[in-house]
Amino acid sequence: MKTFLLEIKTSVLLTLVFGVLLCGIYPLAVWAGAQAFFSEKANGSLIVDHDGLVRGSTLIAQSFTSEKYFQPRPSAAGTGYDASASSGTNFGPTSQKLADSIKERVGSYRTANGLASDAPVPADAVTASGSGLDPHISVANANLQVARVARARSISPYQVQVLVEQYTAARDLGFLGEPTVNVLLLNRALDQSAK
């Protein structure tokens, strides 16, 4: 009986110690480290206007429907770019629904950007990301949208192309992945250059 009570006492004490350590001290240390070294990222990489209003996050895509804006990847998250419903379509490569939606998106993309009916379309222009919230598009996708955006804004394609190049992020660590363009940052730069 004495051994049993000692086991219970030890279990209760270890539960309390690990509870304080893992539910209090450890999360506090991670939070403090993130605030000290990565404050912007730890707080959501928010974009705040000069008037203090939050306009978005560089980590989450937003829907842009006007022709004067670059379009992000399609989204399968809720009704579109809903961070509380982040998900992909989960359609496999043999899914007829996936094939039909891609075919429809390819046609829409070509029409919107004034491309020939047989022009190649980048995959990221017609497929949703795994999260449905990817804020980046490929450089090829951005380049195909330049003429449409320039025409809608009545500016030269060269001016738009310069901004695309300015907002193109290099490969991670110089060799991982492909260069990408953050759609929200690029669209904000377009609006600011028009002022």
Protein backbone atom coordinates (compact mmCIF):
# COMPACT_ATOMS: atom_id res chain seq x y z
CA MET A 1 0.00 0.00 0.00
CA LYS A 2 2.90 2.33 0.84
CA THR A 3 4.44 1.76 -2.61
CA PHE A 4 1.11 2.46 -4.30
CA LEU A 5 0.70 5.81 -2.48
CA LEU A 6 4.29 6.75 -3.38
CA GLU A 7 3.54 5.98 -7.03
CA ILE A 8 0.41 8.15 -6.92
CA LYS A 9 2.31 11.02 -5.24
CA THR A 10 5.13 10.80 -7.82
CA SER A 11 2.63 10.73 -10.71
CA VAL A 12 0.74 13.76 -9.41
CA LEU A 13 3.95 15.74 -8.84
CA LEU A 14 5.32 14.87 -12.30
CA THR A 15 2.01 15.84 -13.89
CA LEU A 16 2.13 19.21 -12.13
CA VAL A 17 5.81 19.81 -13.01
CA PHE A 18 5.33 18.87 -16.69
CA GLY A 19 2.07 20.84 -16.80
CA VAL A 20 3.82 24.01 -15.63
CA LEU A 21 6.86 23.35 -17.83
CA LEU A 22 5.10 22.33 -21.07
CA CYS A 23 1.91 24.37 -20.75
CA GLY A 24 3.43 27.51 -19.29
CA ILE A 25 7.18 28.01 -19.44
CA TYR A 26 7.84 26.42 -22.84
CA PRO A 27 5.06 28.28 -24.75
CA LEU A 28 6.10 31.52 -23.03
CA ALA A 29 9.73 31.00 -24.09
CA VAL A 30 8.72 30.25 -27.70
CA TRP A 31 6.44 33.31 -27.79
CA ALA A 32 9.15 35.58 -26.31
CA GLY A 33 11.76 34.28 -28.75
CA ALA A 34 9.44 34.78 -31.71
CA GLN A 35 8.60 38.31 -30.58
CA ALA A 36 12.27 39.15 -30.05
CA PHE A 37 13.69 37.70 -33.28
CA PHE A 38 10.78 37.38 -35.76
CA SER A 39 8.23 39.92 -34.54
CA GLU A 40 6.68 40.71 -37.94
CA LYS A 41 6.26 37.06 -38.91
CA ALA A 42 5.10 36.02 -35.43
CA ASN A 43 2.35 38.62 -35.60
CA GLY A 44 1.01 37.49 -38.98
CA SER A 45 3.11 39.53 -41.45
CA LEU A 46 0.32 42.09 -41.54
CA ILE A 47 0.22 44.95 -44.01
CA VAL A 48 -0.87 48.10 -42.21
CA ASP A 49 -1.71 51.36 -44.01
CA HIS A 50 -0.44 54.73 -42.89
CA ASP A 51 -3.85 55.28 -41.25
CA GLY A 52 -3.37 52.17 -39.08
CA LEU A 53 -5.85 49.90 -40.89
CA VAL A 54 -4.83 46.30 -41.55
CA ARG A 55 -5.12 45.64 -45.29
CA GLY A 56 -4.04 42.01 -45.35
CA SER A 57 -1.19 39.63 -44.71
CA THR A 58 1.69 38.74 -46.99
CA LEU A 59 1.04 35.12 -45.99
CA ILE A 60 -2.60 34.80 -47.13
CA ALA A 61 -3.96 35.39 -50.61
CA GLN A 62 -6.87 37.69 -51.26
CA SER A 63 -9.37 37.75 -54.07
CA PHE A 64 -8.83 40.42 -56.72
CA THR A 65 -11.53 40.55 -59.39
CA SER A 66 -10.80 43.80 -61.25
CA GLU A 67 -8.83 43.62 -64.50
CA LYS A 68 -6.45 46.25 -63.15
CA TYR A 69 -5.09 43.78 -60.59
CA PHE A 70 -2.97 40.67 -60.86
CA GLN A 71 -5.01 37.58 -60.06
CA PRO A 72 -3.84 35.06 -57.42
CA ARG A 73 -4.06 31.30 -57.70
CA PRO A 74 -7.54 29.83 -57.56
CA SER A 75 -8.67 28.90 -54.06
CA ALA A 76 -10.52 25.92 -52.66
CA ALA A 77 -10.63 27.40 -49.16
CA GLY A 78 -14.26 27.92 -48.21
CA THR A 79 -15.85 30.45 -50.53
CA GLY A 80 -12.39 31.58 -51.60
CA TYR A 81 -9.33 32.58 -49.59
CA ASP A 82 -11.10 31.90 -46.29
CA ALA A 83 -8.33 31.32 -43.73
CA SER A 84 -10.75 29.56 -41.39
CA ALA A 85 -11.48 26.96 -44.08
CA SER A 86 -7.99 26.38 -45.42
CA SER A 87 -7.81 23.33 -47.66
CA GLY A 88 -7.13 22.07 -51.13
CA THR A 89 -9.65 20.44 -53.42
CA ASN A 90 -8.29 16.97 -52.61
CA PHE A 91 -9.10 15.85 -56.16
CA GLY A 92 -6.70 13.24 -57.51
CA PRO A 93 -5.09 13.29 -60.96
CA THR A 94 -7.80 11.01 -62.37
CA SER A 95 -10.67 13.15 -61.06
CA GLN A 96 -13.06 14.31 -63.78
CA LYS A 97 -14.11 17.28 -61.59
CA LEU A 98 -10.47 18.41 -61.45
CA ALA A 99 -10.03 18.02 -65.21
CA ASP A 100 -13.25 19.95 -65.90
CA SER A 101 -12.37 22.80 -63.52
CA ILE A 102 -8.87 23.11 -65.00
CA LYS A 103 -10.26 23.16 -68.54
CA GLU A 104 -12.73 25.89 -67.57
CA ARG A 105 -10.02 27.92 -65.79
CA VAL A 106 -7.62 27.61 -68.73
CA GLY A 107 -10.27 29.02 -71.07
CA SER A 108 -11.11 31.86 -68.68
CA TYR A 109 -7.44 32.69 -68.12
CA ARG A 110 -6.70 32.82 -71.87
CA THR A 111 -9.74 35.02 -72.51
CA ALA A 112 -9.02 37.41 -69.60
CA ASN A 113 -5.39 37.86 -70.61
CA GLY A 114 -5.92 38.01 -74.37
CA LEU A 115 -3.98 34.83 -75.11
CA ALA A 116 -4.31 32.59 -78.15
CA SER A 117 -6.59 29.57 -77.77
CA ASP A 118 -3.56 27.26 -77.81
CA ALA A 119 -1.23 29.39 -75.64
CA PRO A 120 0.37 27.52 -72.73
CA VAL A 121 -0.99 28.47 -69.31
CA PRO A 122 1.09 28.11 -66.12
CA ALA A 123 -0.18 25.41 -63.77
CA ASP A 124 -0.46 27.80 -60.83
CA ALA A 125 -2.93 29.95 -62.81
CA VAL A 126 -5.48 27.14 -62.99
CA THR A 127 -4.88 24.94 -59.93
CA ALA A 128 -5.43 25.73 -56.27
CA SER A 129 -2.61 25.33 -53.79
CA GLY A 130 -2.73 22.73 -51.02
CA SER A 131 -3.92 25.33 -48.51
CA GLY A 132 -6.04 27.36 -50.91
CA LEU A 133 -4.36 30.45 -49.45
CA ASP A 134 -1.03 30.67 -51.31
CA PRO A 135 -0.30 34.39 -51.79
CA HIS A 136 2.32 33.78 -54.50
CA ILE A 137 2.17 33.16 -58.21
CA SER A 138 4.91 32.08 -60.59
CA VAL A 139 6.85 34.66 -62.57
CA ALA A 140 5.45 33.13 -65.78
CA ASN A 141 1.91 33.64 -64.48
CA ALA A 142 2.67 37.27 -63.56
CA ASN A 143 4.30 37.96 -66.93
CA LEU A 144 1.21 36.72 -68.79
CA GLN A 145 -0.97 39.14 -66.80
CA VAL A 146 1.22 42.22 -67.44
CA ALA A 147 -0.47 43.31 -70.69
CA ARG A 148 -4.00 43.05 -69.22
CA VAL A 149 -3.08 45.01 -66.09
CA ALA A 150 -1.26 47.70 -68.11
CA ARG A 151 -4.21 48.06 -70.50
CA ALA A 152 -6.73 48.30 -67.63
CA ARG A 153 -4.62 50.96 -65.88
CA SER A 154 -3.75 52.84 -69.09
CA ILE A 155 -0.03 52.62 -68.40
CA SER A 156 2.81 51.06 -70.35
CA PRO A 157 3.49 47.34 -69.99
CA TYR A 158 7.08 48.30 -69.21
CA GLN A 159 6.00 50.11 -66.02
CA VAL A 160 4.06 47.06 -64.88
CA GLN A 161 6.92 44.70 -65.81
CA VAL A 162 9.34 46.75 -63.70
CA LEU A 163 7.07 46.28 -60.67
CA VAL A 164 6.77 42.54 -61.35
CA GLU A 165 10.56 42.28 -61.35
CA GLN A 166 10.81 44.41 -58.21
CA TYR A 167 8.36 42.16 -56.35
CA THR A 168 9.81 38.87 -57.55
CA ALA A 169 11.26 36.90 -54.64
CA ALA A 170 14.29 34.73 -55.36
CA ARG A 171 14.46 31.02 -54.64
CA ASP A 172 14.69 30.11 -50.95
CA LEU A 173 18.35 29.79 -49.91
CA GLY A 174 19.22 30.51 -53.54
CA PHE A 175 18.35 27.01 -54.81
CA LEU A 176 15.06 25.78 -53.33
CA GLY A 177 11.86 26.18 -55.33
CA GLU A 178 11.22 28.74 -58.02
CA PRO A 179 11.10 32.54 -57.96
CA THR A 180 7.63 33.80 -56.98
CA VAL A 181 5.63 37.02 -56.94
CA ASN A 182 3.49 38.04 -53.95
CA VAL A 183 0.20 39.18 -55.52
CA LEU A 184 -0.95 41.39 -52.64
CA LEU A 185 2.34 43.30 -52.45
CA LEU A 186 2.45 43.73 -56.23
CA ASN A 187 -1.15 44.99 -56.40
CA ARG A 188 -0.53 47.44 -53.56
CA ALA A 189 2.59 48.72 -55.36
CA LEU A 190 0.49 49.23 -58.51
CA ASP A 191 -2.08 51.26 -56.55
CA GLN A 192 0.62 53.33 -54.88
CA SER A 193 2.40 54.04 -58.18
CA ALA A 194 -0.88 55.35 -59.59
CA LYS A 195 -1.12 58.04 -56.89
